[in-house]
């Protein structure tokens, strides 16, 4: 019985130590890479770790939805672009409207991928810092307009 208590105490200490470490996010071309110390984490593992802080967990869940949507749109778009290209290479008559639709889906997936990166970064900021009520103003400029986004 004593060994079970010692084993449980050891596992609990390891879990607390892991939860106290900082998670870093590195943006890549196709998405993001997450690391804790020198260990690379998947998005599912990061989601499990973030359950300690509910605000960061909810923000990362929203980011994960955008990541899944970007993956589906990107795969579908690549498939729609690839079919006419392969048809043209094999000597058939390609349907270029499929390729145009595929390009539109690829462009939409890039947009959702950018949203994923921004939300994931914000969730990791919430996890890595102590939860305080800080106001983060962000300015966005586009064309002839501008907007101000304030996050609490």
N, C-alpha and C. Protein backbone atom coordinates (compact mmCIF):
# COMPACT_ATOMS: atom_id res chain seq x y z
N UNK A 1 0.82 -1.19 0.00
CA UNK A 1 0.00 0.00 0.00
C UNK A 1 0.87 1.26 0.00
N UNK A 2 1.98 1.16 0.73
CA UNK A 2 2.87 2.31 0.83
C UNK A 2 3.49 2.64 -0.54
N UNK A 3 3.78 1.59 -1.30
CA UNK A 3 4.38 1.80 -2.62
C UNK A 3 3.38 2.46 -3.57
N UNK A 4 2.10 2.13 -3.46
CA UNK A 4 1.08 2.75 -4.29
C UNK A 4 0.97 4.24 -4.00
N UNK A 5 1.06 4.58 -2.73
CA UNK A 5 0.98 6.00 -2.35
C UNK A 5 2.20 6.74 -2.86
N UNK A 6 3.38 6.12 -2.76
CA UNK A 6 4.59 6.76 -3.25
C UNK A 6 4.54 6.92 -4.77
N UNK A 7 4.05 5.90 -5.47
CA UNK A 7 3.94 5.98 -6.92
C UNK A 7 2.95 7.07 -7.33
N UNK A 8 1.82 7.14 -6.64
CA UNK A 8 0.84 8.18 -6.93
C UNK A 8 1.42 9.56 -6.67
N UNK A 9 2.15 9.73 -5.58
CA UNK A 9 2.77 11.02 -5.25
C UNK A 9 3.78 11.41 -6.31
N UNK A 10 4.57 10.45 -6.76
CA UNK A 10 5.56 10.72 -7.79
C UNK A 10 4.90 11.14 -9.10
N UNK A 11 3.86 10.41 -9.51
CA UNK A 11 3.14 10.75 -10.74
C UNK A 11 2.49 12.12 -10.64
N UNK A 12 1.93 12.43 -9.49
CA UNK A 12 1.30 13.74 -9.29
C UNK A 12 2.34 14.86 -9.38
N UNK A 13 3.51 14.63 -8.79
CA UNK A 13 4.57 15.64 -8.84
C UNK A 13 5.04 15.86 -10.27
N UNK A 14 5.17 14.78 -11.04
CA UNK A 14 5.57 14.91 -12.44
C UNK A 14 4.54 15.68 -13.24
N UNK A 15 3.26 15.39 -13.01
CA UNK A 15 2.18 16.09 -13.72
C UNK A 15 2.18 17.57 -13.38
N UNK A 16 2.37 17.90 -12.11
CA UNK A 16 2.41 19.31 -11.72
C UNK A 16 3.61 20.01 -12.33
N UNK A 17 4.75 19.31 -12.38
CA UNK A 17 5.94 19.90 -12.98
C UNK A 17 5.74 20.16 -14.46
N UNK A 18 5.12 19.20 -15.15
CA UNK A 18 4.86 19.37 -16.58
C UNK A 18 3.87 20.49 -16.84
N UNK A 19 2.88 20.62 -15.97
CA UNK A 19 1.88 21.67 -16.16
C UNK A 19 2.47 23.05 -15.92
N UNK A 20 3.54 23.12 -15.16
CA UNK A 20 4.14 24.42 -14.85
C UNK A 20 5.10 24.88 -15.94
N UNK A 21 5.43 24.04 -16.90
CA UNK A 21 6.37 24.42 -17.93
C UNK A 21 5.69 25.24 -19.01
N UNK A 22 6.49 26.02 -19.69
CA UNK A 22 5.99 26.90 -20.73
C UNK A 22 5.87 26.16 -22.06
N UNK A 23 4.80 26.42 -22.77
CA UNK A 23 4.62 25.84 -24.11
C UNK A 23 4.94 26.94 -25.12
N UNK A 24 5.77 26.60 -26.09
CA UNK A 24 6.15 27.56 -27.13
C UNK A 24 5.54 27.14 -28.44
N UNK A 25 5.17 28.12 -29.24
CA UNK A 25 4.60 27.86 -30.55
C UNK A 25 5.50 28.46 -31.62
N UNK A 26 5.85 27.65 -32.60
CA UNK A 26 6.64 28.11 -33.73
C UNK A 26 5.77 28.04 -34.97
N UNK A 27 5.60 29.17 -35.63
CA UNK A 27 4.78 29.21 -36.84
C UNK A 27 5.57 28.61 -38.00
N UNK A 28 4.90 27.71 -38.73
CA UNK A 28 5.51 27.10 -39.90
C UNK A 28 4.67 27.47 -41.12
N UNK A 29 5.10 27.03 -42.28
CA UNK A 29 4.38 27.39 -43.50
C UNK A 29 2.97 26.81 -43.51
N UNK A 30 2.81 25.58 -43.12
CA UNK A 30 1.50 24.93 -43.19
C UNK A 30 0.70 24.98 -41.91
N UNK A 31 1.25 25.49 -40.84
CA UNK A 31 0.52 25.49 -39.57
C UNK A 31 1.40 25.99 -38.45
N UNK A 32 1.48 25.21 -37.38
CA UNK A 32 2.27 25.60 -36.23
C UNK A 32 2.85 24.35 -35.58
N UNK A 33 3.95 24.53 -34.89
CA UNK A 33 4.60 23.45 -34.15
C UNK A 33 4.66 23.89 -32.69
N UNK A 34 4.31 23.00 -31.79
CA UNK A 34 4.26 23.30 -30.37
C UNK A 34 5.34 22.51 -29.66
N UNK A 35 6.05 23.19 -28.74
CA UNK A 35 7.11 22.53 -27.98
C UNK A 35 7.01 22.89 -26.51
N UNK A 36 7.25 21.88 -25.68
CA UNK A 36 7.40 22.09 -24.24
C UNK A 36 8.78 21.53 -23.91
N UNK A 37 9.66 22.39 -23.45
CA UNK A 37 11.07 22.04 -23.27
C UNK A 37 11.65 21.68 -24.63
N UNK A 38 11.98 20.42 -24.85
CA UNK A 38 12.49 20.00 -26.17
C UNK A 38 11.55 18.99 -26.81
N UNK A 39 10.40 18.76 -26.20
CA UNK A 39 9.45 17.78 -26.69
C UNK A 39 8.45 18.45 -27.62
N UNK A 40 8.28 17.91 -28.82
CA UNK A 40 7.29 18.43 -29.75
C UNK A 40 5.93 17.84 -29.40
N UNK A 41 4.92 18.71 -29.33
CA UNK A 41 3.58 18.30 -28.94
C UNK A 41 2.62 18.42 -30.12
N UNK A 42 1.63 17.54 -30.15
CA UNK A 42 0.57 17.65 -31.15
C UNK A 42 -0.51 18.59 -30.60
N UNK A 43 -1.45 18.96 -31.45
CA UNK A 43 -2.51 19.86 -30.99
C UNK A 43 -3.39 19.18 -29.95
N UNK A 44 -3.57 17.87 -30.05
CA UNK A 44 -4.36 17.14 -29.05
C UNK A 44 -3.66 17.17 -27.70
N UNK A 45 -2.34 17.01 -27.69
CA UNK A 45 -1.60 17.04 -26.44
C UNK A 45 -1.64 18.43 -25.82
N UNK A 46 -1.51 19.46 -26.65
CA UNK A 46 -1.59 20.83 -26.13
C UNK A 46 -2.97 21.08 -25.54
N UNK A 47 -4.00 20.60 -26.19
CA UNK A 47 -5.37 20.76 -25.70
C UNK A 47 -5.52 20.10 -24.33
N UNK A 48 -4.94 18.93 -24.15
CA UNK A 48 -5.00 18.24 -22.85
C UNK A 48 -4.25 19.01 -21.77
N UNK A 49 -3.10 19.58 -22.12
CA UNK A 49 -2.30 20.33 -21.15
C UNK A 49 -3.02 21.61 -20.75
N UNK A 50 -3.71 22.24 -21.70
CA UNK A 50 -4.37 23.52 -21.42
C UNK A 50 -5.64 23.38 -20.59
N UNK A 51 -6.07 22.17 -20.29
CA UNK A 51 -7.27 21.98 -19.47
C UNK A 51 -7.09 22.55 -18.07
N UNK A 52 -5.84 22.80 -17.68
CA UNK A 52 -5.56 23.36 -16.36
C UNK A 52 -6.13 24.78 -16.25
N UNK A 53 -6.05 25.55 -17.33
CA UNK A 53 -6.56 26.92 -17.36
C UNK A 53 -7.74 26.97 -18.33
N UNK A 54 -8.95 27.06 -17.82
CA UNK A 54 -10.15 26.97 -18.67
C UNK A 54 -10.23 28.04 -19.76
N UNK A 55 -9.77 29.24 -19.50
CA UNK A 55 -9.85 30.30 -20.51
C UNK A 55 -8.95 29.97 -21.69
N UNK A 56 -7.73 29.52 -21.40
CA UNK A 56 -6.80 29.14 -22.47
C UNK A 56 -7.32 27.91 -23.20
N UNK A 57 -7.94 27.00 -22.47
CA UNK A 57 -8.48 25.78 -23.07
C UNK A 57 -9.59 26.11 -24.07
N UNK A 58 -10.51 27.00 -23.68
CA UNK A 58 -11.61 27.38 -24.58
C UNK A 58 -11.09 28.10 -25.82
N UNK A 59 -10.11 28.96 -25.64
CA UNK A 59 -9.54 29.68 -26.79
C UNK A 59 -8.84 28.71 -27.75
N UNK A 60 -8.14 27.73 -27.21
CA UNK A 60 -7.45 26.77 -28.06
C UNK A 60 -8.44 25.84 -28.76
N UNK A 61 -9.56 25.53 -28.10
CA UNK A 61 -10.59 24.72 -28.76
C UNK A 61 -11.14 25.45 -29.98
N UNK A 62 -11.35 26.76 -29.86
CA UNK A 62 -11.81 27.55 -31.01
C UNK A 62 -10.75 27.55 -32.11
N UNK A 63 -9.49 27.62 -31.71
CA UNK A 63 -8.41 27.59 -32.70
C UNK A 63 -8.37 26.24 -33.40
N UNK A 64 -8.59 25.17 -32.67
CA UNK A 64 -8.55 23.83 -33.25
C UNK A 64 -9.65 23.63 -34.29
N UNK A 65 -10.82 24.23 -34.05
CA UNK A 65 -11.91 24.15 -35.03
C UNK A 65 -11.46 24.79 -36.34
N UNK A 66 -10.81 25.95 -36.25
CA UNK A 66 -10.32 26.62 -37.46
C UNK A 66 -9.23 25.80 -38.14
N UNK A 67 -8.40 25.11 -37.36
CA UNK A 67 -7.35 24.27 -37.94
C UNK A 67 -7.96 23.09 -38.70
N UNK A 68 -8.98 22.47 -38.11
CA UNK A 68 -9.64 21.35 -38.79
C UNK A 68 -10.31 21.81 -40.08
N UNK A 69 -10.97 22.95 -40.02
CA UNK A 69 -11.63 23.48 -41.21
C UNK A 69 -10.62 23.83 -42.29
N UNK A 70 -9.49 24.40 -41.90
CA UNK A 70 -8.45 24.73 -42.87
C UNK A 70 -7.89 23.47 -43.52
N UNK A 71 -7.75 22.41 -42.76
CA UNK A 71 -7.25 21.16 -43.31
C UNK A 71 -8.20 20.55 -44.32
N UNK A 72 -9.49 20.56 -44.00
CA UNK A 72 -10.48 20.00 -44.92
C UNK A 72 -10.56 20.83 -46.19
N UNK A 73 -10.60 22.15 -46.06
CA UNK A 73 -10.66 23.01 -47.24
C UNK A 73 -9.40 22.89 -48.09
N UNK A 74 -8.24 22.80 -47.45
CA UNK A 74 -6.99 22.68 -48.19
C UNK A 74 -6.90 21.38 -48.96
N UNK A 75 -7.32 20.27 -48.32
CA UNK A 75 -7.29 18.98 -49.00
C UNK A 75 -8.27 18.96 -50.17
N UNK A 76 -9.47 19.47 -49.94
CA UNK A 76 -10.47 19.49 -51.01
C UNK A 76 -10.02 20.37 -52.17
N UNK A 77 -9.46 21.52 -51.84
CA UNK A 77 -8.98 22.42 -52.89
C UNK A 77 -7.85 21.82 -53.70
N UNK A 78 -6.92 21.15 -53.02
CA UNK A 78 -5.81 20.52 -53.74
C UNK A 78 -6.31 19.39 -54.63
N UNK A 79 -7.29 18.67 -54.15
CA UNK A 79 -7.87 17.60 -54.96
C UNK A 79 -8.56 18.16 -56.20
N UNK A 80 -9.31 19.26 -56.02
CA UNK A 80 -10.00 19.85 -57.16
C UNK A 80 -9.03 20.48 -58.17
N UNK A 81 -7.89 20.96 -57.70
CA UNK A 81 -6.89 21.50 -58.62
C UNK A 81 -6.16 20.36 -59.32
N UNK A 82 -5.92 19.28 -58.60
CA UNK A 82 -5.15 18.17 -59.16
C UNK A 82 -5.85 17.39 -60.25
N UNK A 83 -7.17 17.25 -60.15
CA UNK A 83 -7.91 16.45 -61.14
C UNK A 83 -7.77 17.03 -62.55
N UNK A 84 -8.01 18.33 -62.79
CA UNK A 84 -7.84 18.85 -64.16
C UNK A 84 -6.39 18.83 -64.64
N UNK A 85 -5.46 19.01 -63.73
CA UNK A 85 -4.04 18.99 -64.13
C UNK A 85 -3.65 17.60 -64.60
N UNK A 86 -4.05 16.58 -63.86
CA UNK A 86 -3.74 15.21 -64.26
C UNK A 86 -4.45 14.87 -65.57
N UNK A 87 -5.67 15.34 -65.73
CA UNK A 87 -6.41 15.10 -66.98
C UNK A 87 -5.69 15.75 -68.16
N UNK A 88 -5.17 16.96 -67.95
CA UNK A 88 -4.44 17.64 -69.02
C UNK A 88 -3.14 16.92 -69.34
N UNK A 89 -2.47 16.41 -68.33
CA UNK A 89 -1.20 15.70 -68.56
C UNK A 89 -1.43 14.39 -69.33
N UNK A 90 -2.51 13.71 -69.02
CA UNK A 90 -2.78 12.43 -69.68
C UNK A 90 -3.37 12.60 -71.08
N UNK A 91 -3.67 13.83 -71.47
CA UNK A 91 -4.13 14.07 -72.83
C UNK A 91 -5.62 14.23 -72.97
N UNK A 92 -6.35 14.23 -71.89
CA UNK A 92 -7.80 14.41 -71.95
C UNK A 92 -8.16 15.89 -72.00
N UNK A 93 -9.43 16.17 -71.99
CA UNK A 93 -9.88 17.55 -71.98
C UNK A 93 -10.22 17.95 -70.53
N UNK A 94 -9.41 18.80 -69.92
CA UNK A 94 -9.59 19.14 -68.49
C UNK A 94 -10.78 20.08 -68.26
N UNK A 95 -11.34 19.99 -67.12
CA UNK A 95 -12.43 20.87 -66.68
C UNK A 95 -11.81 21.93 -65.77
N UNK A 96 -11.49 23.08 -66.34
CA UNK A 96 -10.75 24.10 -65.60
C UNK A 96 -11.61 24.81 -64.56
N UNK A 97 -12.91 24.68 -64.64
CA UNK A 97 -13.74 25.29 -63.59
C UNK A 97 -13.54 24.57 -62.26
N UNK A 98 -13.22 23.28 -62.30
CA UNK A 98 -12.87 22.56 -61.07
C UNK A 98 -11.61 23.15 -60.44
N UNK A 99 -10.63 23.45 -61.29
CA UNK A 99 -9.38 24.03 -60.78
C UNK A 99 -9.64 25.40 -60.17
N UNK A 100 -10.51 26.19 -60.79
CA UNK A 100 -10.83 27.51 -60.23
C UNK A 100 -11.51 27.37 -58.87
N UNK A 101 -12.42 26.42 -58.75
CA UNK A 101 -13.06 26.17 -57.46
C UNK A 101 -12.06 25.68 -56.42
N UNK A 102 -11.11 24.86 -56.84
CA UNK A 102 -10.07 24.38 -55.94
C UNK A 102 -9.18 25.50 -55.43
N UNK A 103 -8.86 26.43 -56.33
CA UNK A 103 -8.05 27.59 -55.92
C UNK A 103 -8.81 28.43 -54.90
N UNK A 104 -10.11 28.59 -55.10
CA UNK A 104 -10.92 29.34 -54.13
C UNK A 104 -10.92 28.65 -52.77
N UNK A 105 -11.03 27.32 -52.76
CA UNK A 105 -10.98 26.59 -51.49
C UNK A 105 -9.61 26.70 -50.83
N UNK A 106 -8.56 26.66 -51.62
CA UNK A 106 -7.21 26.82 -51.07
C UNK A 106 -7.03 28.20 -50.44
N UNK A 107 -7.53 29.23 -51.09
CA UNK A 107 -7.43 30.58 -50.52
C UNK A 107 -8.24 30.69 -49.23
N UNK A 108 -9.39 30.06 -49.18
CA UNK A 108 -10.18 30.07 -47.95
C UNK A 108 -9.45 29.32 -46.83
N UNK A 109 -8.76 28.24 -47.17
CA UNK A 109 -8.04 27.49 -46.14
C UNK A 109 -6.88 28.30 -45.55
N UNK A 110 -6.26 29.13 -46.38
CA UNK A 110 -5.19 30.00 -45.88
C UNK A 110 -5.74 30.97 -44.84
N UNK A 111 -6.91 31.50 -45.10
CA UNK A 111 -7.54 32.43 -44.15
C UNK A 111 -7.82 31.73 -42.81
N UNK A 112 -8.38 30.53 -42.84
CA UNK A 112 -8.67 29.82 -41.60
C UNK A 112 -7.39 29.38 -40.89
N UNK A 113 -6.34 29.11 -41.64
CA UNK A 113 -5.06 28.76 -41.04
C UNK A 113 -4.48 29.95 -40.28
N UNK A 114 -4.62 31.14 -40.83
CA UNK A 114 -4.14 32.35 -40.14
C UNK A 114 -4.92 32.59 -38.85
N UNK A 115 -6.23 32.35 -38.90
CA UNK A 115 -7.05 32.49 -37.69
C UNK A 115 -6.60 31.48 -36.64
N UNK A 116 -6.32 30.24 -37.07
CA UNK A 116 -5.84 29.22 -36.13
C UNK A 116 -4.57 29.66 -35.44
N UNK A 117 -3.61 30.17 -36.21
CA UNK A 117 -2.33 30.58 -35.62
C UNK A 117 -2.52 31.70 -34.61
N UNK A 118 -3.37 32.67 -34.94
CA UNK A 118 -3.59 33.80 -34.03
C UNK A 118 -4.27 33.34 -32.74
N UNK A 119 -5.30 32.52 -32.85
CA UNK A 119 -6.01 32.05 -31.65
C UNK A 119 -5.14 31.11 -30.81
N UNK A 120 -4.37 30.26 -31.46
CA UNK A 120 -3.49 29.35 -30.71
C UNK A 120 -2.42 30.14 -29.96
N UNK A 121 -1.88 31.15 -30.61
CA UNK A 121 -0.87 31.99 -29.97
C UNK A 121 -1.47 32.71 -28.76
N UNK A 122 -2.67 33.22 -28.92
CA UNK A 122 -3.34 33.91 -27.81
C UNK A 122 -3.64 32.93 -26.66
N UNK A 123 -4.05 31.72 -26.98
CA UNK A 123 -4.33 30.72 -25.94
C UNK A 123 -3.05 30.36 -25.19
N UNK A 124 -1.95 30.24 -25.89
CA UNK A 124 -0.69 29.92 -25.23
C UNK A 124 -0.18 31.08 -24.40
N UNK A 125 -0.45 32.30 -24.83
CA UNK A 125 -0.11 33.46 -24.00
C UNK A 125 -0.89 33.42 -22.70
N UNK A 126 -2.17 33.07 -22.79
CA UNK A 126 -2.99 32.97 -21.59
C UNK A 126 -2.48 31.86 -20.67
N UNK A 127 -2.02 30.78 -21.22
CA UNK A 127 -1.52 29.67 -20.42
C UNK A 127 -0.18 30.00 -19.78
N UNK A 128 0.71 30.61 -20.55
CA UNK A 128 2.07 30.84 -20.08
C UNK A 128 2.18 31.99 -19.08
N UNK A 129 1.27 32.91 -19.12
CA UNK A 129 1.31 34.02 -18.16
C UNK A 129 0.23 33.82 -17.12
N UNK A 130 0.40 34.51 -16.03
CA UNK A 130 -0.63 34.43 -15.01
C UNK A 130 -1.86 35.16 -15.53
N UNK A 131 -3.02 34.63 -15.22
CA UNK A 131 -4.25 35.24 -15.71
C UNK A 131 -4.47 36.58 -15.03
N UNK A 132 -4.33 37.61 -15.78
CA UNK A 132 -4.60 38.94 -15.27
C UNK A 132 -5.48 39.65 -16.29
N UNK A 133 -6.18 40.64 -15.85
CA UNK A 133 -7.06 41.37 -16.75
C UNK A 133 -6.25 42.45 -17.44
N UNK A 134 -5.62 42.08 -18.52
CA UNK A 134 -4.85 43.05 -19.29
C UNK A 134 -5.60 43.35 -20.58
N UNK A 135 -5.56 44.58 -20.99
CA UNK A 135 -6.22 45.00 -22.22
C UNK A 135 -5.17 45.04 -23.32
N UNK A 136 -5.47 44.37 -24.43
CA UNK A 136 -4.55 44.32 -25.56
C UNK A 136 -5.19 44.98 -26.77
N UNK A 137 -4.86 46.23 -27.04
CA UNK A 137 -5.41 46.83 -28.26
C UNK A 137 -4.59 46.40 -29.48
N UNK A 138 -5.28 46.11 -30.57
CA UNK A 138 -4.63 45.73 -31.82
C UNK A 138 -5.21 46.60 -32.94
N UNK A 139 -4.33 47.13 -33.76
CA UNK A 139 -4.74 47.96 -34.88
C UNK A 139 -4.56 47.18 -36.17
N UNK A 140 -5.57 47.23 -37.03
CA UNK A 140 -5.51 46.57 -38.34
C UNK A 140 -5.79 47.63 -39.41
N UNK A 141 -4.92 47.69 -40.40
CA UNK A 141 -5.10 48.61 -41.50
C UNK A 141 -5.31 47.82 -42.78
N UNK A 142 -6.30 48.22 -43.57
CA UNK A 142 -6.55 47.55 -44.84
C UNK A 142 -7.11 48.55 -45.82
N UNK A 143 -6.45 48.67 -46.95
CA UNK A 143 -6.94 49.55 -48.01
C UNK A 143 -7.12 50.98 -47.51
N UNK A 144 -8.36 51.45 -47.52
CA UNK A 144 -8.63 52.82 -47.09
C UNK A 144 -9.22 52.86 -45.68
N UNK A 145 -9.28 51.76 -45.00
CA UNK A 145 -9.89 51.73 -43.67
C UNK A 145 -8.96 51.21 -42.62
N UNK A 146 -9.40 51.32 -41.39
CA UNK A 146 -8.65 50.82 -40.25
C UNK A 146 -9.65 50.38 -39.20
N UNK A 147 -9.22 49.46 -38.33
CA UNK A 147 -10.10 49.04 -37.25
C UNK A 147 -9.28 48.81 -36.00
N UNK A 148 -9.93 48.92 -34.88
CA UNK A 148 -9.29 48.71 -33.59
C UNK A 148 -9.99 47.56 -32.90
N UNK A 149 -9.20 46.57 -32.47
CA UNK A 149 -9.74 45.41 -31.76
C UNK A 149 -9.14 45.42 -30.37
N UNK A 150 -10.00 45.38 -29.37
CA UNK A 150 -9.54 45.38 -27.98
C UNK A 150 -9.88 44.04 -27.37
N UNK A 151 -8.86 43.32 -26.91
CA UNK A 151 -9.07 42.02 -26.27
C UNK A 151 -8.80 42.15 -24.78
N UNK A 152 -9.66 41.55 -24.00
CA UNK A 152 -9.50 41.59 -22.54
C UNK A 152 -8.91 40.32 -22.04
